[in-house]
């Protein structure tokens, strides 16, 4: 994700972040299936999806902690 997208995601609500995380996890699963079948040539997409999911989870956790403080 680019820094512009990260800044936009920081302004989103937790429920919106959850939806986006679920979407990316579904895409990651599809990429893994394509890799196992041998249809996927570009495996770098797996790395990028995992990184995007981790970044969104981090933003979500930061929001949760700031709400409780």
Protein backbone atom coordinates (compact mmCIF):
# COMPACT_ATOMS: atom_id res chain seq x y z
CA UNK A 1 0.00 0.00 0.00
CA UNK A 2 1.18 3.48 -0.74
CA UNK A 3 1.44 6.08 1.98
CA UNK A 4 -1.59 7.90 0.55
CA UNK A 5 -3.70 4.77 0.92
CA UNK A 6 -2.40 4.23 4.45
CA UNK A 7 -3.40 7.77 5.38
CA UNK A 8 -6.88 7.15 3.98
CA UNK A 9 -7.16 3.90 5.93
CA UNK A 10 -6.24 5.65 9.17
CA UNK A 11 -9.38 7.77 8.74
CA UNK A 12 -11.67 4.78 8.32
CA UNK A 13 -13.79 3.16 11.01
CA UNK A 14 -12.89 -0.21 12.49
CA UNK A 15 -15.82 -1.91 10.74
CA UNK A 16 -14.60 -0.63 7.36
CA UNK A 17 -11.10 -1.87 8.14
CA UNK A 18 -12.53 -5.30 9.00
CA UNK A 19 -14.30 -5.47 5.64
CA UNK A 20 -11.12 -4.52 3.80
CA UNK A 21 -9.08 -7.09 5.76
CA UNK A 22 -11.61 -9.81 4.90
CA UNK A 23 -11.46 -8.85 1.23
CA UNK A 24 -7.66 -9.03 1.17
CA UNK A 25 -7.66 -12.35 3.01
CA UNK A 26 -10.03 -13.76 0.39
CA UNK A 27 -7.74 -12.52 -2.38
CA UNK A 28 -4.75 -14.06 -0.59
CA UNK A 29 -6.53 -17.40 -0.36
CA UNK A 30 -7.34 -17.31 -4.08
CA UNK A 31 -3.71 -16.52 -4.89
CA UNK A 32 -2.53 -19.42 -2.72
CA UNK A 33 -4.91 -21.77 -4.50
CA UNK A 34 -3.71 -20.60 -7.90
CA UNK A 35 -0.12 -21.12 -6.78
CA UNK A 36 -0.81 -24.68 -5.63
CA UNK A 37 -2.49 -25.52 -8.92
CA UNK A 38 0.35 -23.95 -10.86
CA UNK A 39 -1.63 -21.23 -12.63
CA UNK A 40 0.01 -18.31 -10.86
CA UNK A 41 3.31 -17.20 -12.35
CA UNK A 42 3.79 -13.98 -10.35
CA UNK A 43 4.11 -15.09 -6.72
CA UNK A 44 5.09 -11.61 -5.52
CA UNK A 45 1.39 -10.83 -5.13
CA UNK A 46 1.28 -13.13 -2.11
CA UNK A 47 3.91 -11.08 -0.32
CA UNK A 48 2.14 -7.82 -1.07
CA UNK A 49 -1.24 -9.10 0.13
CA UNK A 50 0.24 -10.39 3.38
CA UNK A 51 1.95 -7.04 3.95
CA UNK A 52 -1.25 -5.10 3.23
CA UNK A 53 -3.21 -7.27 5.67
CA UNK A 54 -0.58 -6.73 8.36
CA UNK A 55 -0.64 -2.96 7.83
CA UNK A 56 -4.44 -2.85 8.09
CA UNK A 57 -4.41 -4.99 11.23
CA UNK A 58 -1.86 -2.64 12.76
CA UNK A 59 -4.03 0.40 12.01
CA UNK A 60 -7.05 -1.41 13.44
CA UNK A 61 -5.19 -2.26 16.64
CA UNK A 62 -3.97 1.32 17.02
CA UNK A 63 -7.56 2.54 16.76
CA UNK A 64 -8.75 -0.01 19.33
CA UNK A 65 -6.05 1.05 21.78
CA UNK A 66 -6.73 4.76 21.29
CA UNK A 67 -10.45 4.24 21.93
CA UNK A 68 -9.76 2.45 25.22
CA UNK A 69 -7.30 5.07 26.48
